[in-house]
Amino acid sequence: ISAILGELGIEGIEIENHVPLTEQETGSMFIDFPLELPPDDGT
């Protein structure tokens, strides 16, 4: 869907989900503890 929006000329796309962060993603953030997210329900 993000790609479709990009093809339509829409920029500034924001994605929100409950997928747990990887170690690499957590390591690149300015935090020292993982974010508490709701269970990943696929939405």
PDB file of all heavy atoms in Angstrom:
ATOM      1  N   ILE A   1       0.832  -1.208   0.000  1.00  0.00           N
ATOM      2  CA  ILE A   1       0.000   0.000   0.000  1.00  0.00           C
ATOM      3  C   ILE A   1       0.865   1.254   0.000  1.00  0.00           C
ATOM      4  O   ILE A   1       0.563   2.236  -0.690  1.00  0.00           O
ATOM      5  CB  ILE A   1      -0.960  -0.030   1.201  1.00  0.00           C
ATOM      6  CG1 ILE A   1      -2.011  -1.118   0.990  1.00  0.00           C
ATOM      7  CG2 ILE A   1      -1.629   1.333   1.400  1.00  0.00           C
ATOM      8  CD1 ILE A   1      -2.967  -1.300   2.141  1.00  0.00           C
ATOM      9  N   SER A   2       1.946   1.236   0.751  1.00  0.00           N
ATOM     10  CA  SER A   2       2.863   2.382   0.748  1.00  0.00           C
ATOM     11  C   SER A   2       3.419   2.620  -0.641  1.00  0.00           C
ATOM     12  O   SER A   2       3.540   3.771  -1.089  1.00  0.00           O
ATOM     13  CB  SER A   2       4.006   2.141   1.741  1.00  0.00           C
ATOM     14  OG  SER A   2       3.525   2.020   3.060  1.00  0.00           O
ATOM     15  N   ALA A   3       3.763   1.528  -1.330  1.00  0.00           N
ATOM     16  CA  ALA A   3       4.283   1.661  -2.693  1.00  0.00           C
ATOM     17  C   ALA A   3       3.223   2.224  -3.632  1.00  0.00           C
ATOM     18  O   ALA A   3       3.515   3.058  -4.503  1.00  0.00           O
ATOM     19  CB  ALA A   3       4.781   0.312  -3.189  1.00  0.00           C
ATOM     20  N   ILE A   4       1.965   1.761  -3.468  1.00  0.00           N
ATOM     21  CA  ILE A   4       0.863   2.275  -4.297  1.00  0.00           C
ATOM     22  C   ILE A   4       0.700   3.775  -4.091  1.00  0.00           C
ATOM     23  O   ILE A   4       0.561   4.543  -5.058  1.00  0.00           O
ATOM     24  CB  ILE A   4      -0.449   1.535  -3.947  1.00  0.00           C
ATOM     25  CG1 ILE A   4      -0.396   0.097  -4.447  1.00  0.00           C
ATOM     26  CG2 ILE A   4      -1.653   2.266  -4.543  1.00  0.00           C
ATOM     27  CD1 ILE A   4      -1.550  -0.756  -3.973  1.00  0.00           C
ATOM     28  N   LEU A   5       0.721   4.208  -2.840  1.00  0.00           N
ATOM     29  CA  LEU A   5       0.576   5.637  -2.543  1.00  0.00           C
ATOM     30  C   LEU A   5       1.731   6.429  -3.157  1.00  0.00           C
ATOM     31  O   LEU A   5       1.526   7.522  -3.702  1.00  0.00           O
ATOM     32  CB  LEU A   5       0.530   5.860  -1.034  1.00  0.00           C
ATOM     33  CG  LEU A   5      -0.684   5.260  -0.301  1.00  0.00           C
ATOM     34  CD1 LEU A   5      -0.541   5.443   1.206  1.00  0.00           C
ATOM     35  CD2 LEU A   5      -1.978   5.897  -0.786  1.00  0.00           C
ATOM     36  N   GLY A   6       2.933   5.852  -3.079  1.00  0.00           N
ATOM     37  CA  GLY A   6       4.086   6.534  -3.676  1.00  0.00           C
ATOM     38  C   GLY A   6       3.940   6.682  -5.178  1.00  0.00           C
ATOM     39  O   GLY A   6       4.270   7.726  -5.745  1.00  0.00           O
ATOM     40  N   GLU A   7       3.419   5.643  -5.820  1.00  0.00           N
ATOM     41  CA  GLU A   7       3.222   5.702  -7.272  1.00  0.00           C
ATOM     42  C   GLU A   7       2.169   6.737  -7.658  1.00  0.00           C
ATOM     43  O   GLU A   7       2.202   7.281  -8.767  1.00  0.00           O
ATOM     44  CB  GLU A   7       2.815   4.320  -7.792  1.00  0.00           C
ATOM     45  CG  GLU A   7       3.943   3.295  -7.735  1.00  0.00           C
ATOM     46  CD  GLU A   7       3.482   1.913  -8.129  1.00  0.00           C
ATOM     47  OE1 GLU A   7       2.274   1.764  -8.427  1.00  0.00           O
ATOM     48  OE2 GLU A   7       4.313   0.987  -8.144  1.00  0.00           O
ATOM     49  N   LEU A   8       1.245   7.008  -6.715  1.00  0.00           N
ATOM     50  CA  LEU A   8       0.220   8.020  -6.978  1.00  0.00           C
ATOM     51  C   LEU A   8       0.704   9.434  -6.638  1.00  0.00           C
ATOM     52  O   LEU A   8      -0.067  10.385  -6.708  1.00  0.00           O
ATOM     53  CB  LEU A   8      -1.044   7.695  -6.172  1.00  0.00           C
ATOM     54  CG  LEU A   8      -1.796   6.423  -6.600  1.00  0.00           C
ATOM     55  CD1 LEU A   8      -2.933   6.129  -5.634  1.00  0.00           C
ATOM     56  CD2 LEU A   8      -2.314   6.576  -8.025  1.00  0.00           C
ATOM     57  N   GLY A   9       1.986   9.535  -6.257  1.00  0.00           N
ATOM     58  CA  GLY A   9       2.565  10.847  -5.969  1.00  0.00           C
ATOM     59  C   GLY A   9       2.362  11.330  -4.549  1.00  0.00           C
ATOM     60  O   GLY A   9       2.588  12.502  -4.243  1.00  0.00           O
ATOM     61  N   ILE A  10       1.937  10.421  -3.671  1.00  0.00           N
ATOM     62  CA  ILE A  10       1.703  10.795  -2.275  1.00  0.00           C
ATOM     63  C   ILE A  10       2.983  10.556  -1.481  1.00  0.00           C
ATOM     64  O   ILE A  10       3.532   9.456  -1.476  1.00  0.00           O
ATOM     65  CB  ILE A  10       0.544   9.978  -1.669  1.00  0.00           C
ATOM     66  CG1 ILE A  10      -0.749  10.311  -2.414  1.00  0.00           C
ATOM     67  CG2 ILE A  10       0.404  10.251  -0.180  1.00  0.00           C
ATOM     68  CD1 ILE A  10      -1.918   9.436  -2.017  1.00  0.00           C
ATOM     69  N   GLU A  11       3.459  11.586  -0.791  1.00  0.00           N
ATOM     70  CA  GLU A  11       4.667  11.482   0.007  1.00  0.00           C
ATOM     71  C   GLU A  11       4.312  11.614   1.490  1.00  0.00           C
ATOM     72  O   GLU A  11       3.190  11.900   1.853  1.00  0.00           O
ATOM     73  CB  GLU A  11       5.661  12.575  -0.398  1.00  0.00           C
ATOM     74  CG  GLU A  11       6.076  12.487  -1.869  1.00  0.00           C
ATOM     75  CD  GLU A  11       7.002  13.603  -2.281  1.00  0.00           C
ATOM     76  OE1 GLU A  11       7.143  14.568  -1.495  1.00  0.00           O
ATOM     77  OE2 GLU A  11       7.578  13.523  -3.378  1.00  0.00           O
ATOM     78  N   GLY A  12       5.291  11.430   2.353  1.00  0.00           N
ATOM     79  CA  GLY A  12       5.055  11.578   3.786  1.00  0.00           C
ATOM     80  C   GLY A  12       4.153  10.499   4.350  1.00  0.00           C
ATOM     81  O   GLY A  12       3.215  10.782   5.085  1.00  0.00           O
ATOM     82  N   ILE A  13       4.430   9.245   4.036  1.00  0.00           N
ATOM     83  CA  ILE A  13       3.598   8.118   4.495  1.00  0.00           C
ATOM     84  C   ILE A  13       4.039   7.686   5.892  1.00  0.00           C
ATOM     85  O   ILE A  13       5.228   7.599   6.189  1.00  0.00           O
ATOM     86  CB  ILE A  13       3.702   6.957   3.496  1.00  0.00           C
ATOM     87  CG1 ILE A  13       3.187   7.406   2.121  1.00  0.00           C
ATOM     88  CG2 ILE A  13       2.938   5.745   3.987  1.00  0.00           C
ATOM     89  CD1 ILE A  13       3.565   6.484   0.988  1.00  0.00           C
ATOM     90  N   GLU A  14       3.060   7.380   6.728  1.00  0.00           N
ATOM     91  CA  GLU A  14       3.319   6.964   8.114  1.00  0.00           C
ATOM     92  C   GLU A  14       2.683   5.603   8.353  1.00  0.00           C
ATOM     93  O   GLU A  14       1.533   5.381   7.984  1.00  0.00           O
ATOM     94  CB  GLU A  14       2.722   8.014   9.051  1.00  0.00           C
ATOM     95  CG  GLU A  14       2.812   7.687  10.528  1.00  0.00           C
ATOM     96  CD  GLU A  14       2.110   8.747  11.355  1.00  0.00           C
ATOM     97  OE1 GLU A  14       2.734   9.772  11.652  1.00  0.00           O
ATOM     98  OE2 GLU A  14       0.917   8.559  11.672  1.00  0.00           O
ATOM     99  N   ILE A  15       3.433   4.685   8.967  1.00  0.00           N
ATOM    100  CA  ILE A  15       2.944   3.335   9.235  1.00  0.00           C
ATOM    101  C   ILE A  15       2.924   3.094  10.739  1.00  0.00           C
ATOM    102  O   ILE A  15       3.907   3.358  11.434  1.00  0.00           O
ATOM    103  CB  ILE A  15       3.811   2.271   8.546  1.00  0.00           C
ATOM    104  CG1 ILE A  15       3.745   2.431   7.015  1.00  0.00           C
ATOM    105  CG2 ILE A  15       3.381   0.869   8.949  1.00  0.00           C
ATOM    106  CD1 ILE A  15       4.658   1.483   6.265  1.00  0.00           C
ATOM    107  N   GLU A  16       1.800   2.580  11.240  1.00  0.00           N
ATOM    108  CA  GLU A  16       1.681   2.212  12.645  1.00  0.00           C
ATOM    109  C   GLU A  16       1.253   0.748  12.727  1.00  0.00           C
ATOM    110  O   GLU A  16       0.243   0.361  12.135  1.00  0.00           O
ATOM    111  CB  GLU A  16       0.633   3.073  13.356  1.00  0.00           C
ATOM    112  CG  GLU A  16       0.923   4.561  13.331  1.00  0.00           C
ATOM    113  CD  GLU A  16      -0.246   5.356  13.885  1.00  0.00           C
ATOM    114  OE1 GLU A  16      -0.434   5.349  15.122  1.00  0.00           O
ATOM    115  OE2 GLU A  16      -0.975   5.957  13.083  1.00  0.00           O
ATOM    116  N   ASN A  17       2.048  -0.052  13.447  1.00  0.00           N
ATOM    117  CA  ASN A  17       1.663  -1.451  13.674  1.00  0.00           C
ATOM    118  C   ASN A  17       2.204  -1.905  15.024  1.00  0.00           C
ATOM    119  O   ASN A  17       2.812  -1.125  15.758  1.00  0.00           O
ATOM    120  CB  ASN A  17       2.169  -2.344  12.531  1.00  0.00           C
ATOM    121  CG  ASN A  17       3.677  -2.285  12.379  1.00  0.00           C
ATOM    122  OD1 ASN A  17       4.417  -2.207  13.356  1.00  0.00           O
ATOM    123  ND2 ASN A  17       4.148  -2.335  11.129  1.00  0.00           N
ATOM    124  N   HIS A  18       1.988  -3.163  15.360  1.00  0.00           N
ATOM    125  CA  HIS A  18       2.429  -3.703  16.639  1.00  0.00           C
ATOM    126  C   HIS A  18       3.539  -4.732  16.474  1.00  0.00           C
ATOM    127  O   HIS A  18       3.760  -5.553  17.363  1.00  0.00           O
ATOM    128  CB  HIS A  18       1.249  -4.333  17.388  1.00  0.00           C
ATOM    129  CG  HIS A  18       0.145  -3.367  17.668  1.00  0.00           C
ATOM    130  ND1 HIS A  18      -1.172  -3.751  17.829  1.00  0.00           N
ATOM    131  CD2 HIS A  18       0.154  -2.015  17.815  1.00  0.00           C
ATOM    132  CE1 HIS A  18      -1.919  -2.686  18.057  1.00  0.00           C
ATOM    133  NE2 HIS A  18      -1.138  -1.635  18.051  1.00  0.00           N
ATOM    134  N   VAL A  19       4.236  -4.687  15.347  1.00  0.00           N
ATOM    135  CA  VAL A  19       5.314  -5.642  15.103  1.00  0.00           C
ATOM    136  C   VAL A  19       6.474  -5.328  16.036  1.00  0.00           C
ATOM    137  O   VAL A  19       6.939  -4.182  16.092  1.00  0.00           O
ATOM    138  CB  VAL A  19       5.790  -5.565  13.636  1.00  0.00           C
ATOM    139  CG1 VAL A  19       6.960  -6.506  13.411  1.00  0.00           C
ATOM    140  CG2 VAL A  19       4.633  -5.896  12.695  1.00  0.00           C
ATOM    141  N   PRO A  20       6.972  -6.312  16.804  1.00  0.00           N
ATOM    142  CA  PRO A  20       8.094  -6.052  17.729  1.00  0.00           C
ATOM    143  C   PRO A  20       9.322  -5.557  16.982  1.00  0.00           C
ATOM    144  O   PRO A  20       9.598  -5.962  15.846  1.00  0.00           O
ATOM    145  CB  PRO A  20       8.350  -7.433  18.360  1.00  0.00           C
ATOM    146  CG  PRO A  20       7.075  -8.191  18.167  1.00  0.00           C
ATOM    147  CD  PRO A  20       6.497  -7.701  16.872  1.00  0.00           C
ATOM    148  N   LEU A  21      10.066  -4.646  17.628  1.00  0.00           N
ATOM    149  CA  LEU A  21      11.283  -4.118  17.032  1.00  0.00           C
ATOM    150  C   LEU A  21      12.382  -5.170  17.051  1.00  0.00           C
ATOM    151  O   LEU A  21      12.502  -5.951  17.993  1.00  0.00           O
ATOM    152  CB  LEU A  21      11.754  -2.883  17.809  1.00  0.00           C
ATOM    153  CG  LEU A  21      10.796  -1.686  17.826  1.00  0.00           C
ATOM    154  CD1 LEU A  21      11.339  -0.616  18.759  1.00  0.00           C
ATOM    155  CD2 LEU A  21      10.591  -1.132  16.434  1.00  0.00           C
ATOM    156  N   THR A  22      13.203  -5.167  16.004  1.00  0.00           N
ATOM    157  CA  THR A  22      14.372  -6.041  15.989  1.00  0.00           C
ATOM    158  C   THR A  22      15.466  -5.440  16.872  1.00  0.00           C
ATOM    159  O   THR A  22      15.409  -4.267  17.254  1.00  0.00           O
ATOM    160  CB  THR A  22      14.911  -6.192  14.561  1.00  0.00           C
ATOM    161  OG1 THR A  22      15.386  -4.905  14.105  1.00  0.00           O
ATOM    162  CG2 THR A  22      13.832  -6.698  13.622  1.00  0.00           C
ATOM    163  N   GLU A  23      16.485  -6.239  17.174  1.00  0.00           N
ATOM    164  CA  GLU A  23      17.608  -5.727  17.960  1.00  0.00           C
ATOM    165  C   GLU A  23      18.290  -4.577  17.230  1.00  0.00           C
ATOM    166  O   GLU A  23      18.723  -3.603  17.840  1.00  0.00           O
ATOM    167  CB  GLU A  23      18.612  -6.849  18.225  1.00  0.00           C
ATOM    168  CG  GLU A  23      18.112  -7.889  19.216  1.00  0.00           C
ATOM    169  CD  GLU A  23      19.189  -8.897  19.565  1.00  0.00           C
ATOM    170  OE1 GLU A  23      20.356  -8.663  19.192  1.00  0.00           O
ATOM    171  OE2 GLU A  23      18.870  -9.906  20.202  1.00  0.00           O
ATOM    172  N   GLN A  24      18.414  -4.684  15.909  1.00  0.00           N
ATOM    173  CA  GLN A  24      19.054  -3.618  15.134  1.00  0.00           C
ATOM    174  C   GLN A  24      18.245  -2.333  15.207  1.00  0.00           C
ATOM    175  O   GLN A  24      18.789  -1.244  15.366  1.00  0.00           O
ATOM    176  CB  GLN A  24      19.216  -4.051  13.673  1.00  0.00           C
ATOM    177  CG  GLN A  24      19.911  -3.010  12.805  1.00  0.00           C
ATOM    178  CD  GLN A  24      20.102  -3.502  11.369  1.00  0.00           C
ATOM    179  OE1 GLN A  24      19.691  -4.590  11.028  1.00  0.00           O
ATOM    180  NE2 GLN A  24      20.719  -2.687  10.549  1.00  0.00           N
ATOM    181  N   GLU A  25      16.916  -2.439  15.097  1.00  0.00           N
ATOM    182  CA  GLU A  25      16.069  -1.255  15.167  1.00  0.00           C
ATOM    183  C   GLU A  25      16.133  -0.618  16.538  1.00  0.00           C
ATOM    184  O   GLU A  25      16.236   0.596  16.671  1.00  0.00           O
ATOM    185  CB  GLU A  25      14.625  -1.632  14.819  1.00  0.00           C
ATOM    186  CG  GLU A  25      14.424  -1.965  13.353  1.00  0.00           C
ATOM    187  CD  GLU A  25      13.071  -2.613  13.101  1.00  0.00           C
ATOM    188  OE1 GLU A  25      12.492  -3.209  14.022  1.00  0.00           O
ATOM    189  OE2 GLU A  25      12.591  -2.521  11.951  1.00  0.00           O
ATOM    190  N   THR A  26      16.092  -1.445  17.589  1.00  0.00           N
ATOM    191  CA  THR A  26      16.175  -0.910  18.940  1.00  0.00           C
ATOM    192  C   THR A  26      17.524  -0.255  19.168  1.00  0.00           C
ATOM    193  O   THR A  26      17.621   0.804  19.789  1.00  0.00           O
ATOM    194  CB  THR A  26      15.963  -2.032  19.976  1.00  0.00           C
ATOM    195  OG1 THR A  26      14.698  -2.644  19.727  1.00  0.00           O
ATOM    196  CG2 THR A  26      15.983  -1.486  21.391  1.00  0.00           C
ATOM    197  N   GLY A  27      18.586  -0.853  18.631  1.00  0.00           N
ATOM    198  CA  GLY A  27      19.923  -0.312  18.820  1.00  0.00           C
ATOM    199  C   GLY A  27      20.143   1.018  18.152  1.00  0.00           C
ATOM    200  O   GLY A  27      20.997   1.803  18.568  1.00  0.00           O
ATOM    201  N   SER A  28      19.365   1.319  17.104  1.00  0.00           N
ATOM    202  CA  SER A  28      19.536   2.595  16.399  1.00  0.00           C
ATOM    203  C   SER A  28      18.695   3.708  17.000  1.00  0.00           C
ATOM    204  O   SER A  28      18.761   4.844  16.550  1.00  0.00           O
ATOM    205  CB  SER A  28      19.151   2.423  14.918  1.00  0.00           C
ATOM    206  OG  SER A  28      17.762   2.189  14.786  1.00  0.00           O
ATOM    207  N   MET A  29      17.888   3.372  18.038  1.00  0.00           N
ATOM    208  CA  MET A  29      17.049   4.371  18.679  1.00  0.00           C
ATOM    209  C   MET A  29      17.739   4.922  19.916  1.00  0.00           C
ATOM    210  O   MET A  29      18.625   4.302  20.491  1.00  0.00           O
ATOM    211  CB  MET A  29      15.701   3.760  19.080  1.00  0.00           C
ATOM    212  CG  MET A  29      14.896   3.223  17.912  1.00  0.00           C
ATOM    213  SD  MET A  29      13.406   2.355  18.456  1.00  0.00           S
ATOM    214  CE  MET A  29      12.440   3.728  19.082  1.00  0.00           C
ATOM    215  N   PHE A  30      17.329   6.120  20.330  1.00  0.00           N
ATOM    216  CA  PHE A  30      17.935   6.752  21.493  1.00  0.00           C
ATOM    217  C   PHE A  30      17.221   6.331  22.767  1.00  0.00           C
ATOM    218  O   PHE A  30      16.710   7.132  23.526  1.00  0.00           O
ATOM    219  CB  PHE A  30      17.901   8.271  21.344  1.00  0.00           C
ATOM    220  CG  PHE A  30      18.724   8.759  20.195  1.00  0.00           C
ATOM    221  CD1 PHE A  30      18.113   9.357  19.102  1.00  0.00           C
ATOM    222  CD2 PHE A  30      20.085   8.602  20.183  1.00  0.00           C
ATOM    223  CE1 PHE A  30      18.864   9.807  18.035  1.00  0.00           C
ATOM    224  CE2 PHE A  30      20.853   9.039  19.116  1.00  0.00           C
ATOM    225  CZ  PHE A  30      20.235   9.633  18.047  1.00  0.00           C
ATOM    226  N   ILE A  31      17.152   5.030  22.973  1.00  0.00           N
ATOM    227  CA  ILE A  31      16.561   4.493  24.192  1.00  0.00           C
ATOM    228  C   ILE A  31      17.435   3.353  24.659  1.00  0.00           C
ATOM    229  O   ILE A  31      18.245   2.826  23.908  1.00  0.00           O
ATOM    230  CB  ILE A  31      15.122   3.974  23.963  1.00  0.00           C
ATOM    231  CG1 ILE A  31      15.115   2.913  22.852  1.00  0.00           C
ATOM    232  CG2 ILE A  31      14.172   5.108  23.625  1.00  0.00           C
ATOM    233  CD1 ILE A  31      13.777   2.227  22.675  1.00  0.00           C
ATOM    234  N   ASP A  32      17.296   2.945  25.907  1.00  0.00           N
ATOM    235  CA  ASP A  32      18.095   1.851  26.407  1.00  0.00           C
ATOM    236  C   ASP A  32      17.227   0.713  26.918  1.00  0.00           C
ATOM    237  O   ASP A  32      17.667  -0.131  27.674  1.00  0.00           O
ATOM    238  CB  ASP A  32      19.019   2.323  27.523  1.00  0.00           C
ATOM    239  CG  ASP A  32      20.249   1.418  27.621  1.00  0.00           C
ATOM    240  OD1 ASP A  32      20.454   0.592  26.724  1.00  0.00           O
ATOM    241  OD2 ASP A  32      20.978   1.530  28.613  1.00  0.00           O
ATOM    242  N   PHE A  33      15.965   0.715  26.534  1.00  0.00           N
ATOM    243  CA  PHE A  33      15.053  -0.345  26.928  1.00  0.00           C
ATOM    244  C   PHE A  33      13.996  -0.461  25.849  1.00  0.00           C
ATOM    245  O   PHE A  33      13.650   0.518  25.198  1.00  0.00           O
ATOM    246  CB  PHE A  33      14.395  -0.049  28.280  1.00  0.00           C
ATOM    247  CG  PHE A  33      13.962   1.379  28.438  1.00  0.00           C
ATOM    248  CD1 PHE A  33      12.730   1.805  27.989  1.00  0.00           C
ATOM    249  CD2 PHE A  33      14.817   2.291  29.029  1.00  0.00           C
ATOM    250  CE1 PHE A  33      12.345   3.122  28.129  1.00  0.00           C
ATOM    251  CE2 PHE A  33      14.427   3.617  29.164  1.00  0.00           C
ATOM    252  CZ  PHE A  33      13.186   4.034  28.720  1.00  0.00           C
ATOM    253  N   PRO A  34      13.484  -1.658  25.581  1.00  0.00           N
ATOM    254  CA  PRO A  34      12.541  -1.840  24.478  1.00  0.00           C
ATOM    255  C   PRO A  34      11.210  -1.152  24.747  1.00  0.00           C
ATOM    256  O   PRO A  34      10.760  -1.039  25.877  1.00  0.00           O
ATOM    257  CB  PRO A  34      12.366  -3.366  24.422  1.00  0.00           C
ATOM    258  CG  PRO A  34      12.714  -3.826  25.792  1.00  0.00           C
ATOM    259  CD  PRO A  34      13.779  -2.900  26.295  1.00  0.00           C
ATOM    260  N   LEU A  35      10.581  -0.685  23.678  1.00  0.00           N
ATOM    261  CA  LEU A  35       9.253  -0.101  23.797  1.00  0.00           C
ATOM    262  C   LEU A  35       8.235  -1.190  24.113  1.00  0.00           C
ATOM    263  O   LEU A  35       8.324  -2.306  23.618  1.00  0.00           O
ATOM    264  CB  LEU A  35       8.874   0.587  22.489  1.00  0.00           C
ATOM    265  CG  LEU A  35       9.739   1.765  22.050  1.00  0.00           C
ATOM    266  CD1 LEU A  35       9.261   2.260  20.692  1.00  0.00           C
ATOM    267  CD2 LEU A  35       9.701   2.889  23.065  1.00  0.00           C
ATOM    268  N   GLU A  36       7.270  -0.856  24.956  1.00  0.00           N
ATOM    269  CA  GLU A  36       6.201  -1.794  25.289  1.00  0.00           C
ATOM    270  C   GLU A  36       5.080  -1.640  24.259  1.00  0.00           C
ATOM    271  O   GLU A  36       4.411  -0.610  24.212  1.00  0.00           O
ATOM    272  CB  GLU A  36       5.673  -1.515  26.696  1.00  0.00           C
ATOM    273  CG  GLU A  36       6.675  -1.815  27.803  1.00  0.00           C
ATOM    274  CD  GLU A  36       6.966  -3.304  27.931  1.00  0.00           C
ATOM    275  OE1 GLU A  36       6.088  -4.106  27.552  1.00  0.00           O
ATOM    276  OE2 GLU A  36       8.062  -3.660  28.390  1.00  0.00           O
ATOM    277  N   LEU A  37       4.896  -2.645  23.437  1.00  0.00           N
ATOM    278  CA  LEU A  37       3.878  -2.606  22.401  1.00  0.00           C
ATOM    279  C   LEU A  37       2.781  -3.623  22.704  1.00  0.00           C
ATOM    280  O   LEU A  37       3.043  -4.659  23.316  1.00  0.00           O
ATOM    281  CB  LEU A  37       4.494  -2.925  21.031  1.00  0.00           C
ATOM    282  CG  LEU A  37       5.513  -1.939  20.481  1.00  0.00           C
ATOM    283  CD1 LEU A  37       6.110  -2.500  19.194  1.00  0.00           C
ATOM    284  CD2 LEU A  37       4.901  -0.577  20.227  1.00  0.00           C
ATOM    285  N   PRO A  38       1.547  -3.347  22.264  1.00  0.00           N
ATOM    286  CA  PRO A  38       0.500  -4.359  22.397  1.00  0.00           C
ATOM    287  C   PRO A  38       0.864  -5.586  21.567  1.00  0.00           C
ATOM    288  O   PRO A  38       1.730  -5.529  20.698  1.00  0.00           O
ATOM    289  CB  PRO A  38      -0.742  -3.649  21.813  1.00  0.00           C
ATOM    290  CG  PRO A  38      -0.414  -2.195  21.823  1.00  0.00           C
ATOM    291  CD  PRO A  38       1.064  -2.107  21.637  1.00  0.00           C
ATOM    292  N   PRO A  39       0.217  -6.737  21.823  1.00  0.00           N
ATOM    293  CA  PRO A  39       0.508  -7.930  21.023  1.00  0.00           C
ATOM    294  C   PRO A  39       0.278  -7.665  19.535  1.00  0.00           C
ATOM    295  O   PRO A  39      -0.646  -6.939  19.152  1.00  0.00           O
ATOM    296  CB  PRO A  39      -0.500  -8.956  21.566  1.00  0.00           C
ATOM    297  CG  PRO A  39      -0.842  -8.468  22.939  1.00  0.00           C
ATOM    298  CD  PRO A  39      -0.781  -6.982  22.869  1.00  0.00           C
ATOM    299  N   ASP A  40       1.125  -8.256  18.722  1.00  0.00           N
ATOM    300  CA  ASP A  40       1.004  -8.088  17.274  1.00  0.00           C
ATOM    301  C   ASP A  40      -0.214  -8.865  16.779  1.00  0.00           C
ATOM    302  O   ASP A  40      -0.238 -10.096  16.822  1.00  0.00           O
ATOM    303  CB  ASP A  40       2.274  -8.593  16.596  1.00  0.00           C
ATOM    304  CG  ASP A  40       2.219  -8.449  15.084  1.00  0.00           C
ATOM    305  OD1 ASP A  40       1.340  -7.711  14.588  1.00  0.00           O
ATOM    306  OD2 ASP A  40       3.058  -9.063  14.409  1.00  0.00           O
ATOM    307  N   ASP A  41      -1.230  -8.152  16.340  1.00  0.00           N
ATOM    308  CA  ASP A  41      -2.462  -8.795  15.865  1.00  0.00           C
ATOM    309  C   ASP A  41      -2.564  -8.796  14.348  1.00  0.00           C
ATOM    310  O   ASP A  41      -3.605  -9.131  13.780  1.00  0.00           O
ATOM    311  CB  ASP A  41      -3.693  -8.103  16.462  1.00  0.00           C
ATOM    312  CG  ASP A  41      -3.754  -6.617  16.135  1.00  0.00           C
ATOM    313  OD1 ASP A  41      -2.852  -6.124  15.407  1.00  0.00           O
ATOM    314  OD2 ASP A  41      -4.686  -5.937  16.603  1.00  0.00           O
ATOM    315  N   GLY A  42      -1.478  -8.391  13.669  1.00  0.00           N
ATOM    316  CA  GLY A  42      -1.465  -8.412  12.215  1.00  0.00           C
ATOM    317  C   GLY A  42      -2.092  -7.203  11.563  1.00  0.00           C
ATOM    318  O   GLY A  42      -2.119  -7.110  10.331  1.00  0.00           O
ATOM    319  N   THR A  43      -2.604  -6.255  12.357  1.00  0.00           N
ATOM    320  CA  THR A  43      -3.226  -5.069  11.786  1.00  0.00           C
ATOM    321  C   THR A  43      -2.199  -3.946  11.638  1.00  0.00           C
ATOM    322  O   THR A  43      -1.171  -3.922  12.320  1.00  0.00           O
ATOM    323  CB  THR A  43      -4.385  -4.566  12.660  1.00  0.00           C
ATOM    324  OG1 THR A  43      -3.880  -4.158  13.938  1.00  0.00           O
ATOM    325  CG2 THR A  43      -5.430  -5.651  12.837  1.00  0.00           C
TER     326      THR A  43
END
